[in-house]
């Protein structure tokens, strides 16, 4: 399982989100390969799940990708609640 965290520039905010996704996975007892990138690069990346702020990650929705949109990228409970159904 690969999760790609996406932000506009692929720097600070996506790194913070990556750390929060890893923490959420640990709390859920799940494992995944988590990485972060910018929006332009994400369009060519392969991942099982793309996660990020709605205004950014929605641009990746081509009908074939699993997209998770976050209202609050700092919220571990929100990350957990949105990932749980996709991780089984």
PDB file of N, CA and C in Angstrom:
ATOM      1  N   UNK A   1       0.854  -1.182   0.000  1.00  0.00           N
ATOM      2  CA  UNK A   1       0.000   0.000   0.000  1.00  0.00           C
ATOM      3  C   UNK A   1       0.891   1.233   0.000  1.00  0.00           C
ATOM      4  N   UNK A   2       0.650   2.117  -0.973  1.00  0.00           N
ATOM      5  CA  UNK A   2       1.398   3.373  -1.049  1.00  0.00           C
ATOM      6  C   UNK A   2       0.424   4.539  -0.944  1.00  0.00           C
ATOM      7  N   UNK A   3       0.750   5.461  -0.037  1.00  0.00           N
ATOM      8  CA  UNK A   3      -0.050   6.670   0.151  1.00  0.00           C
ATOM      9  C   UNK A   3       0.817   7.866  -0.215  1.00  0.00           C
ATOM     10  N   UNK A   4       0.319   8.693  -1.111  1.00  0.00           N
ATOM     11  CA  UNK A   4       1.042   9.888  -1.540  1.00  0.00           C
ATOM     12  C   UNK A   4       0.332  11.120  -0.990  1.00  0.00           C
ATOM     13  N   UNK A   5       1.045  11.895  -0.193  1.00  0.00           N
ATOM     14  CA  UNK A   5       0.518  13.138   0.376  1.00  0.00           C
ATOM     15  C   UNK A   5       0.895  14.272  -0.575  1.00  0.00           C
ATOM     16  N   UNK A   6      -0.088  15.082  -0.939  1.00  0.00           N
ATOM     17  CA  UNK A   6       0.111  16.088  -1.979  1.00  0.00           C
ATOM     18  C   UNK A   6      -0.198  17.489  -1.461  1.00  0.00           C
ATOM     19  N   UNK A   7       0.683  18.446  -1.817  1.00  0.00           N
ATOM     20  CA  UNK A   7       0.385  19.859  -1.577  1.00  0.00           C
ATOM     21  C   UNK A   7       0.835  20.647  -2.807  1.00  0.00           C
ATOM     22  N   UNK A   8       0.593  21.919  -2.790  1.00  0.00           N
ATOM     23  CA  UNK A   8       0.895  22.747  -3.950  1.00  0.00           C
ATOM     24  C   UNK A   8       2.355  22.752  -4.349  1.00  0.00           C
ATOM     25  N   UNK A   9       3.259  22.850  -3.364  1.00  0.00           N
ATOM     26  CA  UNK A   9       4.685  22.938  -3.666  1.00  0.00           C
ATOM     27  C   UNK A   9       5.490  21.705  -3.259  1.00  0.00           C
ATOM     28  N   UNK A  10       4.878  20.793  -2.529  1.00  0.00           N
ATOM     29  CA  UNK A  10       5.573  19.574  -2.131  1.00  0.00           C
ATOM     30  C   UNK A  10       6.602  19.774  -1.043  1.00  0.00           C
ATOM     31  N   UNK A  11       6.463  20.853  -0.287  1.00  0.00           N
ATOM     32  CA  UNK A  11       7.457  21.152   0.738  1.00  0.00           C
ATOM     33  C   UNK A  11       6.871  21.015   2.137  1.00  0.00           C
ATOM     34  N   UNK A  12       6.722  22.109   2.836  1.00  0.00           N
ATOM     35  CA  UNK A  12       6.360  22.097   4.251  1.00  0.00           C
ATOM     36  C   UNK A  12       5.044  21.441   4.604  1.00  0.00           C
ATOM     37  N   UNK A  13       3.963  21.881   3.996  1.00  0.00           N
ATOM     38  CA  UNK A  13       2.669  21.359   4.430  1.00  0.00           C
ATOM     39  C   UNK A  13       2.507  19.880   4.109  1.00  0.00           C
ATOM     40  N   UNK A  14       3.034  19.426   2.977  1.00  0.00           N
ATOM     41  CA  UNK A  14       2.902  17.998   2.663  1.00  0.00           C
ATOM     42  C   UNK A  14       3.784  17.154   3.577  1.00  0.00           C
ATOM     43  N   UNK A  15       4.912  17.691   4.013  1.00  0.00           N
ATOM     44  CA  UNK A  15       5.759  16.951   4.947  1.00  0.00           C
ATOM     45  C   UNK A  15       5.063  16.808   6.301  1.00  0.00           C
ATOM     46  N   UNK A  16       4.417  17.886   6.752  1.00  0.00           N
ATOM     47  CA  UNK A  16       3.661  17.825   8.003  1.00  0.00           C
ATOM     48  C   UNK A  16       2.525  16.816   7.870  1.00  0.00           C
ATOM     49  N   UNK A  17       1.809  16.853   6.744  1.00  0.00           N
ATOM     50  CA  UNK A  17       0.731  15.894   6.526  1.00  0.00           C
ATOM     51  C   UNK A  17       1.264  14.467   6.481  1.00  0.00           C
ATOM     52  N   UNK A  18       2.423  14.276   5.845  1.00  0.00           N
ATOM     53  CA  UNK A  18       3.029  12.936   5.790  1.00  0.00           C
ATOM     54  C   UNK A  18       3.271  12.413   7.200  1.00  0.00           C
ATOM     55  N   UNK A  19       3.827  13.242   8.067  1.00  0.00           N
ATOM     56  CA  UNK A  19       4.092  12.827   9.442  1.00  0.00           C
ATOM     57  C   UNK A  19       2.784  12.492  10.171  1.00  0.00           C
ATOM     58  N   UNK A  20       1.733  13.284   9.923  1.00  0.00           N
ATOM     59  CA  UNK A  20       0.440  13.032  10.556  1.00  0.00           C
ATOM     60  C   UNK A  20      -0.208  11.757  10.030  1.00  0.00           C
ATOM     61  N   UNK A  21      -0.054  11.477   8.738  1.00  0.00           N
ATOM     62  CA  UNK A  21      -0.586  10.239   8.168  1.00  0.00           C
ATOM     63  C   UNK A  21       0.139   9.042   8.784  1.00  0.00           C
ATOM     64  N   UNK A  22       1.457   9.130   8.924  1.00  0.00           N
ATOM     65  CA  UNK A  22       2.222   8.045   9.543  1.00  0.00           C
ATOM     66  C   UNK A  22       1.782   7.823  10.984  1.00  0.00           C
ATOM     67  N   UNK A  23       1.539   8.912  11.712  1.00  0.00           N
ATOM     68  CA  UNK A  23       1.088   8.797  13.097  1.00  0.00           C
ATOM     69  C   UNK A  23      -0.297   8.154  13.145  1.00  0.00           C
ATOM     70  N   UNK A  24      -1.189   8.580  12.260  1.00  0.00           N
ATOM     71  CA  UNK A  24      -2.540   8.012  12.210  1.00  0.00           C
ATOM     72  C   UNK A  24      -2.478   6.512  11.906  1.00  0.00           C
ATOM     73  N   UNK A  25      -1.639   6.115  10.956  1.00  0.00           N
ATOM     74  CA  UNK A  25      -1.501   4.698  10.613  1.00  0.00           C
ATOM     75  C   UNK A  25      -0.996   3.894  11.807  1.00  0.00           C
ATOM     76  N   UNK A  26      -0.024   4.440  12.511  1.00  0.00           N
ATOM     77  CA  UNK A  26       0.507   3.764  13.698  1.00  0.00           C
ATOM     78  C   UNK A  26      -0.587   3.575  14.738  1.00  0.00           C
ATOM     79  N   UNK A  27      -1.371   4.626  14.980  1.00  0.00           N
ATOM     80  CA  UNK A  27      -2.460   4.540  15.959  1.00  0.00           C
ATOM     81  C   UNK A  27      -3.515   3.524  15.539  1.00  0.00           C
ATOM     82  N   UNK A  28      -3.680   3.335  14.221  1.00  0.00           N
ATOM     83  CA  UNK A  28      -4.662   2.386  13.698  1.00  0.00           C
ATOM     84  C   UNK A  28      -4.088   0.969  13.604  1.00  0.00           C
ATOM     85  N   UNK A  29      -2.791   0.828  13.849  1.00  0.00           N
ATOM     86  CA  UNK A  29      -2.159  -0.482  13.724  1.00  0.00           C
ATOM     87  C   UNK A  29      -1.978  -0.917  12.285  1.00  0.00           C
ATOM     88  N   UNK A  30      -1.889   0.041  11.373  1.00  0.00           N
ATOM     89  CA  UNK A  30      -1.738  -0.236   9.937  1.00  0.00           C
ATOM     90  C   UNK A  30      -0.358   0.215   9.476  1.00  0.00           C
ATOM     91  N   UNK A  31       0.081  -0.346   8.365  1.00  0.00           N
ATOM     92  CA  UNK A  31       1.352   0.078   7.776  1.00  0.00           C
ATOM     93  C   UNK A  31       1.136   0.417   6.309  1.00  0.00           C
ATOM     94  N   UNK A  32       1.921   1.357   5.825  1.00  0.00           N
ATOM     95  CA  UNK A  32       1.880   1.754   4.423  1.00  0.00           C
ATOM     96  C   UNK A  32       3.151   2.527   4.113  1.00  0.00           C
ATOM     97  N   UNK A  33       3.504   2.559   2.853  1.00  0.00           N
ATOM     98  CA  UNK A  33       4.608   3.387   2.384  1.00  0.00           C
ATOM     99  C   UNK A  33       4.025   4.778   2.144  1.00  0.00           C
ATOM    100  N   UNK A  34       4.465   5.763   2.923  1.00  0.00           N
ATOM    101  CA  UNK A  34       3.917   7.120   2.828  1.00  0.00           C
ATOM    102  C   UNK A  34       5.015   8.061   2.345  1.00  0.00           C
ATOM    103  N   UNK A  35       4.686   8.869   1.348  1.00  0.00           N
ATOM    104  CA  UNK A  35       5.634   9.846   0.815  1.00  0.00           C
ATOM    105  C   UNK A  35       4.863  11.125   0.518  1.00  0.00           C
ATOM    106  N   UNK A  36       5.586  12.216   0.247  1.00  0.00           N
ATOM    107  CA  UNK A  36       4.932  13.483  -0.098  1.00  0.00           C
ATOM    108  C   UNK A  36       5.542  14.056  -1.369  1.00  0.00           C
ATOM    109  N   UNK A  37       4.731  14.857  -2.051  1.00  0.00           N
ATOM    110  CA  UNK A  37       5.176  15.459  -3.298  1.00  0.00           C
ATOM    111  C   UNK A  37       4.317  16.680  -3.618  1.00  0.00           C
ATOM    112  N   UNK A  38       4.695  17.363  -4.681  1.00  0.00           N
ATOM    113  CA  UNK A  38       3.917  18.522  -5.137  1.00  0.00           C
ATOM    114  C   UNK A  38       2.855  18.065  -6.131  1.00  0.00           C
ATOM    115  N   UNK A  39       1.908  18.940  -6.414  1.00  0.00           N
ATOM    116  CA  UNK A  39       0.777  18.606  -7.276  1.00  0.00           C
ATOM    117  C   UNK A  39       1.223  18.186  -8.672  1.00  0.00           C
ATOM    118  N   UNK A  40       2.131  18.921  -9.280  1.00  0.00           N
ATOM    119  CA  UNK A  40       2.565  18.603 -10.649  1.00  0.00           C
ATOM    120  C   UNK A  40       3.203  17.219 -10.718  1.00  0.00           C
ATOM    121  N   UNK A  41       4.062  16.908  -9.762  1.00  0.00           N
ATOM    122  CA  UNK A  41       4.712  15.596  -9.744  1.00  0.00           C
ATOM    123  C   UNK A  41       3.724  14.486  -9.435  1.00  0.00           C
ATOM    124  N   UNK A  42       2.745  14.764  -8.605  1.00  0.00           N
ATOM    125  CA  UNK A  42       1.763  13.750  -8.214  1.00  0.00           C
ATOM    126  C   UNK A  42       0.983  13.223  -9.410  1.00  0.00           C
ATOM    127  N   UNK A  43       0.834  14.044 -10.430  1.00  0.00           N
ATOM    128  CA  UNK A  43       0.071  13.618 -11.606  1.00  0.00           C
ATOM    129  C   UNK A  43       0.725  12.448 -12.327  1.00  0.00           C
ATOM    130  N   UNK A  44       2.025  12.265 -12.124  1.00  0.00           N
ATOM    131  CA  UNK A  44       2.724  11.156 -12.774  1.00  0.00           C
ATOM    132  C   UNK A  44       3.120  10.053 -11.789  1.00  0.00           C
ATOM    133  N   UNK A  45       2.811  10.246 -10.507  1.00  0.00           N
ATOM    134  CA  UNK A  45       3.159   9.262  -9.470  1.00  0.00           C
ATOM    135  C   UNK A  45       2.139   8.130  -9.425  1.00  0.00           C
ATOM    136  N   UNK A  46       2.628   6.949  -9.067  1.00  0.00           N
ATOM    137  CA  UNK A  46       1.759   5.806  -8.823  1.00  0.00           C
ATOM    138  C   UNK A  46       1.576   5.656  -7.321  1.00  0.00           C
ATOM    139  N   UNK A  47       0.332   5.579  -6.871  1.00  0.00           N
ATOM    140  CA  UNK A  47       0.033   5.379  -5.457  1.00  0.00           C
ATOM    141  C   UNK A  47      -1.361   4.771  -5.343  1.00  0.00           C
ATOM    142  N   UNK A  48      -1.590   4.085  -4.228  1.00  0.00           N
ATOM    143  CA  UNK A  48      -2.910   3.503  -3.992  1.00  0.00           C
ATOM    144  C   UNK A  48      -3.898   4.564  -3.515  1.00  0.00           C
ATOM    145  N   UNK A  49      -3.389   5.526  -2.737  1.00  0.00           N
ATOM    146  CA  UNK A  49      -4.227   6.601  -2.189  1.00  0.00           C
ATOM    147  C   UNK A  49      -3.470   7.923  -2.291  1.00  0.00           C
ATOM    148  N   UNK A  50      -4.156   8.956  -2.738  1.00  0.00           N
ATOM    149  CA  UNK A  50      -3.621  10.319  -2.740  1.00  0.00           C
ATOM    150  C   UNK A  50      -4.395  11.096  -1.689  1.00  0.00           C
ATOM    151  N   UNK A  51      -3.688  11.828  -0.835  1.00  0.00           N
ATOM    152  CA  UNK A  51      -4.329  12.544   0.257  1.00  0.00           C
ATOM    153  C   UNK A  51      -3.804  13.977   0.335  1.00  0.00           C
ATOM    154  N   UNK A  52      -4.706  14.916   0.596  1.00  0.00           N
ATOM    155  CA  UNK A  52      -4.298  16.316   0.708  1.00  0.00           C
ATOM    156  C   UNK A  52      -5.494  17.215   0.909  1.00  0.00           C
ATOM    157  N   UNK A  53      -5.237  18.517   0.924  1.00  0.00           N
ATOM    158  CA  UNK A  53      -6.307  19.505   1.061  1.00  0.00           C
ATOM    159  C   UNK A  53      -7.206  19.472  -0.172  1.00  0.00           C
ATOM    160  N   UNK A  54      -8.482  19.687   0.033  1.00  0.00           N
ATOM    161  CA  UNK A  54      -9.478  19.563  -1.038  1.00  0.00           C
ATOM    162  C   UNK A  54      -9.147  20.407  -2.261  1.00  0.00           C
ATOM    163  N   UNK A  55      -8.682  21.641  -2.060  1.00  0.00           N
ATOM    164  CA  UNK A  55      -8.425  22.525  -3.199  1.00  0.00           C
ATOM    165  C   UNK A  55      -7.252  22.051  -4.051  1.00  0.00           C
ATOM    166  N   UNK A  56      -6.367  21.249  -3.494  1.00  0.00           N
ATOM    167  CA  UNK A  56      -5.200  20.756  -4.227  1.00  0.00           C
ATOM    168  C   UNK A  56      -5.446  19.357  -4.790  1.00  0.00           C
ATOM    169  N   UNK A  57      -5.746  18.426  -3.891  1.00  0.00           N
ATOM    170  CA  UNK A  57      -5.800  17.018  -4.282  1.00  0.00           C
ATOM    171  C   UNK A  57      -6.969  16.723  -5.225  1.00  0.00           C
ATOM    172  N   UNK A  58      -8.011  17.532  -5.169  1.00  0.00           N
ATOM    173  CA  UNK A  58      -9.139  17.354  -6.085  1.00  0.00           C
ATOM    174  C   UNK A  58      -8.740  17.462  -7.545  1.00  0.00           C
ATOM    175  N   UNK A  59      -7.664  18.179  -7.819  1.00  0.00           N
ATOM    176  CA  UNK A  59      -7.186  18.339  -9.195  1.00  0.00           C
ATOM    177  C   UNK A  59      -6.592  17.045  -9.755  1.00  0.00           C
ATOM    178  N   UNK A  60      -6.341  16.072  -8.890  1.00  0.00           N
ATOM    179  CA  UNK A  60      -5.815  14.783  -9.334  1.00  0.00           C
ATOM    180  C   UNK A  60      -6.910  13.791  -9.686  1.00  0.00           C
ATOM    181  N   UNK A  61      -8.151  14.129  -9.380  1.00  0.00           N
ATOM    182  CA  UNK A  61      -9.251  13.188  -9.549  1.00  0.00           C
ATOM    183  C   UNK A  61      -9.578  12.987 -11.028  1.00  0.00           C
ATOM    184  N   UNK A  62      -9.056  11.871 -11.565  1.00  0.00           N
ATOM    185  CA  UNK A  62      -9.317  11.550 -12.970  1.00  0.00           C
ATOM    186  C   UNK A  62     -10.294  10.385 -13.104  1.00  0.00           C
ATOM    187  N   UNK A  63     -10.897   9.992 -11.986  1.00  0.00           N
ATOM    188  CA  UNK A  63     -11.851   8.892 -11.995  1.00  0.00           C
ATOM    189  C   UNK A  63     -11.224   7.542 -11.698  1.00  0.00           C
ATOM    190  N   UNK A  64      -9.894   7.456 -11.729  1.00  0.00           N
ATOM    191  CA  UNK A  64      -9.236   6.180 -11.475  1.00  0.00           C
ATOM    192  C   UNK A  64      -8.452   6.166 -10.166  1.00  0.00           C
ATOM    193  N   UNK A  65      -8.240   7.325  -9.568  1.00  0.00           N
ATOM    194  CA  UNK A  65      -7.437   7.416  -8.349  1.00  0.00           C
ATOM    195  C   UNK A  65      -8.325   7.453  -7.111  1.00  0.00           C
ATOM    196  N   UNK A  66      -7.835   6.846  -6.022  1.00  0.00           N
ATOM    197  CA  UNK A  66      -8.495   6.986  -4.733  1.00  0.00           C
ATOM    198  C   UNK A  66      -7.980   8.281  -4.120  1.00  0.00           C
ATOM    199  N   UNK A  67      -8.897   9.216  -3.910  1.00  0.00           N
ATOM    200  CA  UNK A  67      -8.555  10.547  -3.412  1.00  0.00           C
ATOM    201  C   UNK A  67      -9.162  10.737  -2.029  1.00  0.00           C
ATOM    202  N   UNK A  68      -8.344  11.203  -1.087  1.00  0.00           N
ATOM    203  CA  UNK A  68      -8.823  11.543   0.251  1.00  0.00           C
ATOM    204  C   UNK A  68      -8.605  13.035   0.440  1.00  0.00           C
ATOM    205  N   UNK A  69      -9.683  13.753   0.705  1.00  0.00           N
ATOM    206  CA  UNK A  69      -9.572  15.197   0.922  1.00  0.00           C
ATOM    207  C   UNK A  69      -9.679  15.500   2.412  1.00  0.00           C
ATOM    208  N   UNK A  70      -8.815  16.383   2.868  1.00  0.00           N
ATOM    209  CA  UNK A  70      -8.790  16.767   4.276  1.00  0.00           C
ATOM    210  C   UNK A  70      -9.252  18.206   4.443  1.00  0.00           C
ATOM    211  N   UNK A  71     -10.078  18.425   5.445  1.00  0.00           N
ATOM    212  CA  UNK A  71     -10.472  19.780   5.815  1.00  0.00           C
ATOM    213  C   UNK A  71      -9.400  20.390   6.715  1.00  0.00           C
ATOM    214  N   UNK A  72      -8.833  19.555   7.600  1.00  0.00           N
ATOM    215  CA  UNK A  72      -7.822  20.010   8.546  1.00  0.00           C
ATOM    216  C   UNK A  72      -6.646  19.034   8.495  1.00  0.00           C
ATOM    217  N   UNK A  73      -5.587  19.410   7.817  1.00  0.00           N
ATOM    218  CA  UNK A  73      -4.456  18.496   7.618  1.00  0.00           C
ATOM    219  C   UNK A  73      -3.720  18.169   8.911  1.00  0.00           C
ATOM    220  N   UNK A  74      -4.024  18.891   9.984  1.00  0.00           N
ATOM    221  CA  UNK A  74      -3.386  18.638  11.277  1.00  0.00           C
ATOM    222  C   UNK A  74      -4.196  17.668  12.134  1.00  0.00           C
ATOM    223  N   UNK A  75      -5.382  17.313  11.697  1.00  0.00           N
ATOM    224  CA  UNK A  75      -6.291  16.494  12.500  1.00  0.00           C
ATOM    225  C   UNK A  75      -6.038  14.999  12.301  1.00  0.00           C
ATOM    226  N   UNK A  76      -5.401  14.387  13.288  1.00  0.00           N
ATOM    227  CA  UNK A  76      -5.171  12.947  13.244  1.00  0.00           C
ATOM    228  C   UNK A  76      -6.507  12.193  13.220  1.00  0.00           C
ATOM    229  N   UNK A  77      -7.509  12.585  14.042  1.00  0.00           N
ATOM    230  CA  UNK A  77      -8.800  11.884  13.975  1.00  0.00           C
ATOM    231  C   UNK A  77      -9.442  11.946  12.584  1.00  0.00           C
ATOM    232  N   UNK A  78      -9.343  13.082  11.911  1.00  0.00           N
ATOM    233  CA  UNK A  78      -9.915  13.190  10.561  1.00  0.00           C
ATOM    234  C   UNK A  78      -9.161  12.285   9.595  1.00  0.00           C
ATOM    235  N   UNK A  79      -7.847  12.273   9.667  1.00  0.00           N
ATOM    236  CA  UNK A  79      -7.047  11.414   8.793  1.00  0.00           C
ATOM    237  C   UNK A  79      -7.431   9.958   9.021  1.00  0.00           C
ATOM    238  N   UNK A  80      -7.523   9.557  10.272  1.00  0.00           N
ATOM    239  CA  UNK A  80      -7.894   8.174  10.602  1.00  0.00           C
ATOM    240  C   UNK A  80      -9.272   7.831  10.070  1.00  0.00           C
ATOM    241  N   UNK A  81     -10.242   8.713  10.282  1.00  0.00           N
ATOM    242  CA  UNK A  81     -11.619   8.416   9.861  1.00  0.00           C
ATOM    243  C   UNK A  81     -11.752   8.318   8.348  1.00  0.00           C
ATOM    244  N   UNK A  82     -10.927   9.051   7.617  1.00  0.00           N
ATOM    245  CA  UNK A  82     -11.017   9.020   6.154  1.00  0.00           C
ATOM    246  C   UNK A  82     -10.198   7.887   5.544  1.00  0.00           C
ATOM    247  N   UNK A  83      -9.142   7.473   6.218  1.00  0.00           N
ATOM    248  CA  UNK A  83      -8.319   6.367   5.704  1.00  0.00           C
ATOM    249  C   UNK A  83      -8.906   4.997   6.063  1.00  0.00           C
ATOM    250  N   UNK A  84      -9.520   4.896   7.238  1.00  0.00           N
ATOM    251  CA  UNK A  84     -10.012   3.608   7.734  1.00  0.00           C
ATOM    252  C   UNK A  84     -10.818   2.804   6.710  1.00  0.00           C
ATOM    253  N   UNK A  85     -11.818   3.435   6.037  1.00  0.00           N
ATOM    254  CA  UNK A  85     -12.605   2.644   5.073  1.00  0.00           C
ATOM    255  C   UNK A  85     -11.783   2.147   3.881  1.00  0.00           C
ATOM    256  N   UNK A  86     -10.702   2.843   3.574  1.00  0.00           N
ATOM    257  CA  UNK A  86      -9.896   2.454   2.404  1.00  0.00           C
ATOM    258  C   UNK A  86      -8.843   1.404   2.736  1.00  0.00           C
ATOM    259  N   UNK A  87      -8.543   1.251   4.020  1.00  0.00           N
ATOM    260  CA  UNK A  87      -7.499   0.326   4.430  1.00  0.00           C
ATOM    261  C   UNK A  87      -8.033  -1.023   4.875  1.00  0.00           C
ATOM    262  N   UNK A  88      -9.341  -1.093   5.081  1.00  0.00           N
ATOM    263  CA  UNK A  88      -9.965  -2.360   5.428  1.00  0.00           C
ATOM    264  C   UNK A  88      -9.784  -2.859   6.810  1.00  0.00           C
TER     265      UNK A  88
END
